[in-house]
Amino acid sequence: MLHPDQGSLVGFIPELTVQVMNEDQLPENRKEVDDQDPKLHYSEGWHHETDNKDFSNGTESWSSFNQVTDEEGKKHIEVTITFKGTGVEVRGVVDPSHGLYSVTLDGKEMAFEEGRGHDYEIEGDHYFSGYGDQRKLDQSLVNLQGLAKGYHQLRLHLDPALNDPHSSRAIQVDRFVLSGKDSQLLSQEELQQIIREGVEKIKATSLDRLKAALKPTVQGQLTDLTQLLDQERPDLVAAANQVEALETILEDAHNYEPLTQTRPDQGVRDLILEKPELLIEAEEIPFESQTRENKDLAKGESRILQAGKVGRRLKLIEVRQEEGKEIRTEVDAFVEVEAQDQITEVGTKEAEESPLIADMPTPTTPVTPSKVQPEVATLSQAEEKKERPVLLQPKTPEAVSVSTSDHPEKEVVESPSLQSEGKLPQTGTKEGGFFAWLGLLGLGFLGGGAKFARRKE
């Protein structure tokens, strides 16, 4: 015989006893889930074994207080399963080293009752437990049946309030069993998608022909759903059930007033039914700006740590025609995308003053302007040497004697001397000496020519 929570009915006939099972308990309506299904959610610190033939599918998952080093992590050793159905069972291991568990269903803590799994008694109180005198595999740790049809979430928690968190108390699961027709395991992402699609479907449905008695109920549920989704951390299971309840009402044709047709006096005319429209309008939610001071950033400088993002709010607008005029009524609204604040850092660091160092003038040696221009090598000379024209250094001044009839004394032609500036004279190149010799020879010819001219006179 099954437990009454499982909806068993027992009839007695003289020849035999017949057990009638609840439809949800039929084998075809039970679905097994492996402990390592990616749609299950485990907290940090769990170990997942994949090659143990003693367990279903060769896999099992376990954790313990001494395996989690973080003190905060010890408070949250748990596994969460989200599903659609009417029941769930957690099967795992009973062992002398295992601890007591707290069980939460749809956000509400469940008390242990006979038939709800494995328990341990302390001072007359019974608790969900994995503790046992002997190690046993494939035991029913938690078994909750006869739940309302819809979406549910079960959390199994190695509770530090019921165990010594400094001990080695552990938890070990092998598989999960869902019950109920069309039962299914869901991830958080799948649950969110169900809610989004349901909301869009509800908004696209006209409420105009809905029976008057149902309108307040539907409007109230729409308001509750909007408020639920507007919360910072909405209860997705409750939201999914709310969406499903509204869809059930709106999909039932019996919940609408029947269409009526009238025949005009002037022949048969097409019936024009002006139905109100349900529109979805989006509006932006501006982001806010925050400013933070940064003592390591130079004063006057700033940088953006987080760029602002505009949010979006969806409004449900009912549009209807009354006496040729369009009437728009906002039925509902909810935030689809939250705005993200822009965070900017502003520097407060003062610039450090560096000591001023006076510029000392660099001593220079005055240069007496030269009266004789330096000679420049000609292009033909450079070509003979296969080099670019170069500036030649001035020669050391030499005294040249020039005798004339009028002035028999010697006339000395001097070039500025570099020695007067306290510098060593430049040493000329061979070419420089050659040109100097040519210059002296030219002066000699000039002198000779002058004497020759005077004699002729």
Protein backbone atom coordinates (compact mmCIF):
# COMPACT_ATOMS: atom_id res chain seq x y z
CA MET A 1 0.00 0.00 0.00
CA LEU A 2 1.26 3.48 -0.81
CA HIS A 3 1.30 6.31 1.71
CA PRO A 4 -1.91 8.40 1.78
CA ASP A 5 0.14 11.43 0.64
CA GLN A 6 0.62 9.60 -2.65
CA GLY A 7 -3.11 9.47 -3.25
CA SER A 8 -3.51 5.69 -2.94
CA LEU A 9 -6.95 4.14 -2.74
CA VAL A 10 -7.50 0.66 -1.39
CA GLY A 11 -10.66 -1.38 -2.08
CA PHE A 12 -11.57 -4.70 -0.51
CA ILE A 13 -13.24 -7.53 -2.44
CA PRO A 14 -13.89 -10.97 -0.98
CA GLU A 15 -11.59 -12.61 -3.51
CA LEU A 16 -8.72 -10.13 -3.54
CA THR A 17 -7.46 -6.72 -2.51
CA VAL A 18 -7.04 -4.19 -5.31
CA GLN A 19 -4.69 -1.20 -5.01
CA VAL A 20 -5.56 1.75 -7.21
CA MET A 21 -2.60 4.05 -7.78
CA ASN A 22 -2.69 7.77 -8.28
CA GLU A 23 -2.13 8.59 -11.96
CA ASP A 24 0.94 10.62 -11.06
CA GLN A 25 2.57 7.54 -9.55
CA LEU A 26 2.27 5.43 -12.69
CA PRO A 27 5.69 4.43 -14.07
CA GLU A 28 5.12 6.35 -17.30
CA ASN A 29 4.52 9.51 -15.27
CA ARG A 30 7.72 9.24 -13.24
CA LYS A 31 10.94 10.70 -14.56
CA GLU A 32 14.41 9.98 -13.19
CA VAL A 33 17.06 12.70 -13.10
CA ASP A 34 20.76 11.92 -12.73
CA ASP A 35 22.57 13.68 -9.88
CA GLN A 36 24.89 15.36 -12.38
CA ASP A 37 22.26 16.79 -14.69
CA PRO A 38 23.46 20.32 -15.61
CA LYS A 39 20.02 21.76 -14.77
CA LEU A 40 20.55 20.99 -11.08
CA HIS A 41 22.19 23.71 -9.02
CA TYR A 42 24.89 22.78 -6.48
CA SER A 43 26.58 25.19 -4.10
CA GLU A 44 30.38 25.50 -3.96
CA GLY A 45 32.35 22.60 -2.45
CA TRP A 46 30.54 19.57 -3.92
CA HIS A 47 32.46 16.59 -5.34
CA HIS A 48 30.99 14.77 -8.35
CA GLU A 49 32.08 11.17 -8.88
CA THR A 50 31.59 9.66 -12.35
CA ASP A 51 32.94 6.11 -12.13
CA ASN A 52 31.27 4.29 -9.26
CA LYS A 53 29.32 1.21 -10.30
CA ASP A 54 27.48 1.08 -6.94
CA PHE A 55 25.41 4.14 -7.93
CA SER A 56 22.79 4.87 -10.57
CA ASN A 57 24.49 5.63 -13.91
CA GLY A 58 27.82 5.25 -12.09
CA THR A 59 27.58 8.79 -10.66
CA GLU A 60 27.07 10.38 -7.24
CA SER A 61 27.62 13.78 -5.61
CA TRP A 62 28.65 14.62 -2.06
CA SER A 63 29.90 17.37 0.21
CA SER A 64 30.78 17.88 3.89
CA PHE A 65 31.70 20.59 6.38
CA ASN A 66 35.41 19.71 6.39
CA GLN A 67 35.54 19.86 2.57
CA VAL A 68 34.44 23.51 2.56
CA THR A 69 37.14 25.78 4.01
CA ASP A 70 35.21 29.03 3.70
CA GLU A 71 33.16 29.76 6.83
CA GLU A 72 30.47 31.46 4.80
CA GLY A 73 30.40 28.50 2.41
CA LYS A 74 29.73 26.09 5.30
CA LYS A 75 26.38 27.86 5.78
CA HIS A 76 25.22 27.06 2.25
CA ILE A 77 26.04 23.43 1.44
CA GLU A 78 22.96 22.63 -0.63
CA VAL A 79 21.49 21.33 -3.88
CA THR A 80 18.46 22.89 -5.59
CA ILE A 81 16.12 21.29 -8.12
CA THR A 82 13.52 23.25 -10.12
CA PHE A 83 10.79 21.22 -11.81
CA LYS A 84 7.23 21.03 -13.08
CA GLY A 85 5.13 18.23 -11.64
CA THR A 86 3.25 17.03 -8.58
CA GLY A 87 6.05 15.33 -6.64
CA VAL A 88 9.79 14.92 -6.15
CA GLU A 89 11.99 12.36 -4.42
CA VAL A 90 15.68 12.61 -3.54
CA ARG A 91 17.51 9.30 -3.28
CA GLY A 92 20.98 8.98 -1.80
CA VAL A 93 23.15 7.46 0.91
CA VAL A 94 22.51 6.94 4.64
CA ASP A 95 25.75 6.75 6.65
CA PRO A 96 27.01 7.17 10.26
CA SER A 97 29.01 10.23 9.12
CA HIS A 98 26.09 12.00 7.46
CA GLY A 99 24.11 14.84 9.03
CA LEU A 100 20.67 16.38 9.44
CA TYR A 101 19.05 18.33 6.62
CA SER A 102 16.60 21.17 6.26
CA VAL A 103 14.20 20.95 3.31
CA THR A 104 12.61 23.97 1.63
CA LEU A 105 9.85 23.74 -0.97
CA ASP A 106 8.91 26.87 -2.94
CA GLY A 107 10.58 29.04 -0.31
CA LYS A 108 8.79 27.41 2.64
CA GLU A 109 10.57 25.10 5.09
CA MET A 110 9.00 21.66 5.27
CA ALA A 111 8.54 19.75 8.53
CA PHE A 112 9.25 16.06 8.50
CA GLU A 113 6.25 13.75 8.50
CA GLU A 114 5.97 10.00 8.26
CA GLY A 115 6.50 8.89 4.67
CA ARG A 116 8.40 12.01 3.61
CA GLY A 117 11.81 10.37 3.56
CA HIS A 118 14.51 9.33 6.02
CA ASP A 119 14.53 10.94 9.46
CA TYR A 120 16.37 11.13 12.75
CA GLU A 121 14.71 11.77 16.11
CA ILE A 122 16.07 14.21 18.69
CA GLU A 123 14.10 14.65 21.93
CA GLY A 124 10.87 13.62 20.28
CA ASP A 125 11.33 15.83 17.19
CA HIS A 126 11.94 14.29 13.76
CA TYR A 127 14.27 15.80 11.17
CA PHE A 128 15.15 14.96 7.59
CA SER A 129 18.44 13.12 7.85
CA GLY A 130 21.15 11.14 6.07
CA TYR A 131 22.38 9.70 9.37
CA GLY A 132 22.14 5.95 9.99
CA ASP A 133 23.83 3.27 12.09
CA GLN A 134 24.92 1.47 8.91
CA ARG A 135 25.83 2.68 5.45
CA LYS A 136 23.01 2.07 2.97
CA LEU A 137 22.78 3.05 -0.70
CA ASP A 138 19.78 4.23 -2.74
CA GLN A 139 17.73 5.42 0.24
CA SER A 140 14.80 7.82 0.04
CA LEU A 141 16.16 10.93 1.78
CA VAL A 142 13.26 13.24 0.85
CA ASN A 143 9.91 12.28 -0.70
CA LEU A 144 7.26 14.97 -1.24
CA GLN A 145 4.20 13.91 -3.23
CA GLY A 146 0.70 15.23 -3.88
CA LEU A 147 1.90 18.75 -4.71
CA ALA A 148 -0.22 21.21 -6.66
CA LYS A 149 0.22 20.89 -10.40
CA GLY A 150 2.67 23.48 -11.55
CA TYR A 151 6.20 24.71 -10.99
CA HIS A 152 8.17 23.94 -7.82
CA GLN A 153 11.65 24.33 -6.37
CA LEU A 154 13.17 22.03 -3.74
CA ARG A 155 16.29 22.86 -1.74
CA LEU A 156 18.12 20.19 0.31
CA HIS A 157 20.51 21.81 2.79
CA LEU A 158 23.19 20.40 5.13
CA ASP A 159 22.14 22.84 7.83
CA PRO A 160 24.84 24.16 10.23
CA ALA A 161 22.03 25.03 12.66
CA LEU A 162 21.30 21.29 13.00
CA ASN A 163 24.91 20.04 12.80
CA ASP A 164 28.32 20.99 14.15
CA PRO A 165 29.90 22.95 11.26
CA HIS A 166 33.37 22.03 12.56
CA SER A 167 32.63 18.30 12.22
CA SER A 168 32.87 16.09 9.13
CA ARG A 169 29.08 15.69 8.73
CA ALA A 170 28.24 15.07 5.07
CA ILE A 171 25.50 14.80 2.46
CA GLN A 172 25.45 12.40 -0.51
CA VAL A 173 22.88 12.14 -3.33
CA ASP A 174 22.51 9.68 -6.18
CA ARG A 175 19.41 10.58 -8.21
CA PHE A 176 16.12 12.50 -8.24
CA VAL A 177 12.66 11.22 -9.26
CA LEU A 178 9.94 13.56 -10.56
CA SER A 179 6.28 12.53 -10.60
CA GLY A 180 3.24 13.85 -12.42
CA LYS A 181 2.04 13.81 -15.99
CA ASP A 182 4.34 15.81 -18.26
CA SER A 183 6.73 16.43 -15.36
CA GLN A 184 10.06 18.00 -16.35
CA LEU A 185 13.29 19.31 -14.89
CA LEU A 186 13.97 23.01 -15.55
CA SER A 187 16.99 25.29 -15.45
CA GLN A 188 16.70 28.87 -14.21
CA GLU A 189 17.10 30.11 -17.80
CA GLU A 190 14.25 27.89 -19.02
CA LEU A 191 12.00 29.11 -16.22
CA GLN A 192 12.72 32.74 -17.14
CA GLN A 193 11.92 32.00 -20.79
CA ILE A 194 8.56 30.43 -19.81
CA ILE A 195 7.69 33.58 -17.87
CA ARG A 196 8.68 35.94 -20.71
CA GLU A 197 6.68 34.04 -23.33
CA GLY A 198 3.67 33.79 -21.02
CA VAL A 199 3.67 37.52 -20.29
CA GLU A 200 3.81 38.36 -24.00
CA LYS A 201 0.93 36.00 -24.70
CA ILE A 202 -1.20 37.51 -21.93
CA LYS A 203 -0.53 41.05 -23.14
CA ALA A 204 -1.59 40.09 -26.66
CA THR A 205 -4.95 38.79 -25.43
CA SER A 206 -7.98 41.11 -25.50
CA LEU A 207 -9.81 41.38 -22.17
CA ASP A 208 -12.81 43.14 -23.69
CA ARG A 209 -15.07 40.08 -24.02
CA LEU A 210 -13.96 38.50 -20.77
CA LYS A 211 -16.92 37.84 -18.50
CA ALA A 212 -17.54 40.65 -16.07
CA ALA A 213 -17.18 38.38 -13.04
CA LEU A 214 -13.67 37.37 -14.11
CA LYS A 215 -12.30 40.78 -15.04
CA PRO A 216 -11.46 41.89 -11.47
CA THR A 217 -9.72 38.57 -10.84
CA VAL A 218 -7.62 38.78 -14.00
CA GLN A 219 -6.76 42.43 -13.42
CA GLY A 220 -5.71 41.63 -9.85
CA GLN A 221 -3.50 38.75 -10.97
CA LEU A 222 -1.90 40.94 -13.64
CA THR A 223 -1.08 43.54 -11.00
CA ASP A 224 0.37 40.89 -8.67
CA LEU A 225 2.47 39.50 -11.49
CA THR A 226 3.84 42.93 -12.39
CA GLN A 227 4.76 43.69 -8.77
CA LEU A 228 6.40 40.28 -8.46
CA LEU A 229 8.55 40.77 -11.56
CA ASP A 230 9.53 44.29 -10.45
CA GLN A 231 11.26 42.97 -7.34
CA GLU A 232 15.06 43.01 -7.23
CA ARG A 233 15.17 39.21 -6.91
CA PRO A 234 11.76 37.95 -8.04
CA ASP A 235 10.47 34.54 -7.06
CA LEU A 236 10.57 32.90 -10.49
CA VAL A 237 8.61 29.83 -9.40
CA ALA A 238 5.74 31.97 -8.07
CA ALA A 239 5.86 34.12 -11.23
CA ALA A 240 5.72 31.05 -13.50
CA ASN A 241 2.70 29.69 -11.61
CA GLN A 242 1.00 33.10 -11.81
CA VAL A 243 1.56 33.21 -15.57
CA GLU A 244 0.23 29.69 -16.01
CA ALA A 245 -2.91 30.50 -13.97
CA LEU A 246 -3.64 33.55 -16.13
CA GLU A 247 -3.05 31.58 -19.34
CA THR A 248 -5.48 28.91 -18.17
CA ILE A 249 -8.22 31.52 -17.62
CA LEU A 250 -7.63 33.37 -20.87
CA GLU A 251 -7.43 30.22 -23.01
CA ASP A 252 -10.82 28.91 -21.82
CA ALA A 253 -13.52 29.95 -24.30
CA HIS A 254 -16.18 29.58 -21.58
CA ASN A 255 -14.73 32.60 -19.81
CA TYR A 256 -15.76 34.98 -22.62
CA GLU A 257 -19.09 36.52 -23.53
CA PRO A 258 -20.57 35.05 -26.74
CA LEU A 259 -20.51 37.13 -29.91
CA THR A 260 -23.96 38.49 -30.92
CA GLN A 261 -25.09 39.45 -34.41
CA THR A 262 -27.92 41.84 -35.31
CA ARG A 263 -29.73 42.29 -38.64
CA PRO A 264 -30.11 45.94 -39.62
CA ASP A 265 -33.39 47.26 -40.96
CA GLN A 266 -31.88 48.08 -44.30
CA GLY A 267 -30.81 44.72 -45.56
CA VAL A 268 -27.95 42.54 -44.41
CA ARG A 269 -24.78 44.39 -43.65
CA ASP A 270 -21.40 43.22 -42.59
CA LEU A 271 -21.01 43.19 -38.87
CA ILE A 272 -18.15 45.41 -37.77
CA LEU A 273 -16.82 44.50 -34.37
CA GLU A 274 -14.49 47.10 -32.96
CA LYS A 275 -12.18 45.21 -30.61
CA PRO A 276 -9.86 47.01 -28.28
CA GLU A 277 -6.21 46.48 -28.97
CA LEU A 278 -3.57 45.65 -26.42
CA LEU A 279 -0.30 47.38 -27.28
CA ILE A 280 3.12 47.05 -25.74
CA GLU A 281 5.04 50.30 -25.59
CA ALA A 282 8.62 50.61 -24.45
CA GLU A 283 10.15 53.63 -22.77
CA GLU A 284 13.67 54.30 -21.68
CA ILE A 285 14.74 54.49 -18.06
CA PRO A 286 17.62 56.98 -17.79
CA PHE A 287 20.66 55.95 -15.81
CA GLU A 288 22.01 57.88 -12.87
CA SER A 289 25.58 59.14 -12.46
CA GLN A 290 27.72 58.54 -9.42
CA THR A 291 31.02 60.27 -8.64
CA ARG A 292 33.73 58.80 -6.44
CA GLU A 293 36.93 60.43 -5.25
CA ASN A 294 40.26 58.72 -5.93
CA LYS A 295 43.24 59.92 -3.90
CA ASP A 296 45.67 58.14 -6.26
CA LEU A 297 44.41 60.03 -9.32
CA ALA A 298 45.78 63.53 -10.05
CA LYS A 299 43.48 66.40 -9.25
CA GLY A 300 41.58 67.56 -12.32
CA GLU A 301 41.67 64.10 -13.95
CA SER A 302 38.74 61.68 -14.13
CA ARG A 303 37.96 58.25 -15.52
CA ILE A 304 34.82 56.16 -16.00
CA LEU A 305 34.79 52.92 -14.01
CA GLN A 306 31.37 51.76 -15.18
CA ALA A 307 29.57 53.08 -18.23
CA GLY A 308 25.95 53.97 -17.72
CA LYS A 309 23.30 51.91 -19.50
CA VAL A 310 19.77 52.98 -20.24
CA GLY A 311 17.06 50.67 -18.91
CA ARG A 312 13.72 49.82 -20.48
CA ARG A 313 10.18 49.73 -19.13
CA LEU A 314 7.34 47.99 -20.96
CA LYS A 315 3.84 49.42 -20.70
CA LEU A 316 0.65 47.53 -21.52
CA ILE A 317 -1.72 49.96 -23.27
CA GLU A 318 -5.34 49.15 -24.08
CA VAL A 319 -6.59 51.10 -27.12
CA ARG A 320 -10.31 51.23 -27.90
CA GLN A 321 -12.67 53.34 -29.97
CA GLU A 322 -15.56 55.15 -28.34
CA GLU A 323 -17.80 57.32 -30.47
CA GLY A 324 -15.09 57.73 -33.04
CA LYS A 325 -12.46 58.72 -30.51
CA GLU A 326 -9.41 56.67 -29.55
CA ILE A 327 -9.17 55.97 -25.84
CA ARG A 328 -5.82 54.78 -24.50
CA THR A 329 -5.60 53.22 -21.04
CA GLU A 330 -2.43 52.00 -19.38
CA VAL A 331 -3.30 48.57 -18.01
CA ASP A 332 0.05 47.56 -16.61
CA ALA A 333 3.78 48.21 -16.72
CA PHE A 334 6.93 46.49 -15.61
CA VAL A 335 10.69 46.95 -15.86
CA GLU A 336 12.22 44.68 -18.48
CA VAL A 337 15.82 45.91 -18.25
CA GLU A 338 17.19 47.72 -15.21
CA ALA A 339 19.22 50.88 -15.82
CA GLN A 340 22.89 50.72 -14.89
CA ASP A 341 24.44 53.65 -13.06
CA GLN A 342 27.50 55.38 -14.52
CA ILE A 343 30.35 55.53 -12.02
CA THR A 344 33.10 58.11 -12.50
CA GLU A 345 36.28 58.51 -10.47
CA VAL A 346 37.58 62.04 -9.87
CA GLY A 347 41.20 62.61 -8.80
CA THR A 348 42.00 64.49 -5.58
CA LYS A 349 45.78 64.00 -5.51
CA GLU A 350 47.60 67.33 -5.33
CA ALA A 351 50.61 67.77 -7.65
CA GLU A 352 53.97 67.73 -5.84
CA GLU A 353 56.03 70.94 -6.22
CA SER A 354 59.58 70.35 -7.53
CA PRO A 355 62.41 72.68 -6.21
CA LEU A 356 63.39 75.29 -8.76
CA ILE A 357 67.02 75.13 -9.99
CA ALA A 358 68.37 78.37 -11.40
CA ASP A 359 69.80 78.07 -14.88
CA MET A 360 73.53 78.87 -14.83
CA PRO A 361 74.88 80.50 -17.99
CA THR A 362 77.45 78.48 -19.87
CA PRO A 363 80.73 80.38 -20.17
CA THR A 364 81.73 81.10 -23.71
CA THR A 365 84.97 82.42 -25.20
CA PRO A 366 84.45 85.54 -27.26
CA VAL A 367 85.46 85.21 -30.86
CA THR A 368 87.00 88.14 -32.74
CA PRO A 369 85.41 88.39 -36.15
CA SER A 370 87.79 87.37 -38.88
CA LYS A 371 88.59 89.85 -41.60
CA VAL A 372 89.68 87.16 -43.99
CA GLN A 373 86.95 84.90 -45.34
CA PRO A 374 87.74 81.16 -45.23
CA GLU A 375 88.51 79.63 -48.54
CA VAL A 376 86.03 77.21 -50.12
CA ALA A 377 87.09 74.31 -52.25
CA THR A 378 85.68 74.55 -55.75
CA LEU A 379 83.37 71.97 -57.23
CA SER A 380 86.05 70.88 -59.70
CA GLN A 381 88.47 70.28 -56.85
CA ALA A 382 85.84 68.31 -54.93
CA GLU A 383 85.11 66.24 -58.00
CA GLU A 384 88.82 65.48 -58.44
CA LYS A 385 88.87 64.23 -54.85
CA LYS A 386 85.50 62.47 -55.26
CA GLU A 387 84.20 64.32 -52.22
CA ARG A 388 81.64 66.99 -51.44
CA PRO A 389 82.95 70.64 -51.28
CA VAL A 390 84.30 71.42 -47.85
CA LEU A 391 84.99 74.61 -45.95
CA LEU A 392 88.77 75.17 -45.64
CA GLN A 393 90.35 76.64 -42.53
CA PRO A 394 91.94 80.14 -42.75
CA LYS A 395 95.72 80.15 -42.89
CA THR A 396 98.18 81.46 -40.38
CA PRO A 397 98.90 85.11 -41.25
CA GLU A 398 102.18 85.71 -43.16
CA ALA A 399 104.04 88.92 -43.77
CA VAL A 400 104.52 89.81 -47.46
CA SER A 401 107.06 92.41 -48.54
CA VAL A 402 105.99 94.72 -51.33
CA SER A 403 108.54 97.36 -52.51
CA THR A 404 107.49 100.26 -54.63
CA SER A 405 109.41 103.25 -55.85
CA ASP A 406 107.33 105.59 -53.76
CA HIS A 407 107.40 103.46 -50.70
CA PRO A 408 110.62 101.54 -50.53
CA GLU A 409 109.78 100.23 -47.13
CA LYS A 410 108.13 96.95 -46.74
CA GLU A 411 104.32 96.82 -46.58
CA VAL A 412 103.17 94.05 -44.38
CA VAL A 413 99.80 92.37 -45.13
CA GLU A 414 98.53 90.51 -42.18
CA SER A 415 95.65 88.09 -41.68
CA PRO A 416 93.92 87.94 -38.33
CA SER A 417 95.74 85.62 -36.02
CA LEU A 418 93.87 83.00 -34.10
CA GLN A 419 96.56 83.07 -31.49
CA SER A 420 95.32 86.46 -30.37
CA GLU A 421 92.19 84.69 -29.19
CA GLY A 422 94.13 82.29 -27.07
CA LYS A 423 93.60 79.42 -29.46
CA LEU A 424 95.99 77.20 -31.32
CA PRO A 425 96.33 78.00 -35.05
CA GLN A 426 94.63 75.68 -37.44
CA THR A 427 96.98 73.35 -39.31
CA GLY A 428 96.25 73.51 -43.04
CA THR A 429 95.92 70.60 -45.40
CA LYS A 430 98.20 70.04 -48.37
CA GLU A 431 95.65 71.68 -50.64
CA GLY A 432 95.44 74.63 -48.23
CA GLY A 433 99.25 75.09 -48.38
CA PHE A 434 99.16 74.91 -52.14
CA PHE A 435 96.56 77.67 -52.39
CA ALA A 436 98.53 79.81 -49.92
CA TRP A 437 101.67 79.44 -52.07
CA LEU A 438 99.70 80.44 -55.18
CA GLY A 439 98.45 83.53 -53.31
CA LEU A 440 101.99 84.60 -52.40
CA LEU A 441 103.17 84.02 -55.97
CA GLY A 442 100.30 86.20 -57.25
CA LEU A 443 101.25 89.02 -54.91
CA GLY A 444 104.82 88.76 -56.16
CA PHE A 445 103.69 89.14 -59.76
CA LEU A 446 101.55 92.12 -58.83
CA GLY A 447 104.53 93.78 -57.16
CA GLY A 448 106.78 93.07 -60.11
CA GLY A 449 104.20 94.46 -62.52
CA ALA A 450 103.99 97.69 -60.55
CA LYS A 451 107.76 98.23 -60.67
CA PHE A 452 107.79 97.49 -64.38
CA ALA A 453 105.11 100.09 -65.01
CA ARG A 454 106.94 102.78 -63.09
CA ARG A 455 110.14 102.15 -65.03
CA LYS A 456 108.32 102.64 -68.32
CA GLU A 457 107.04 105.93 -67.17
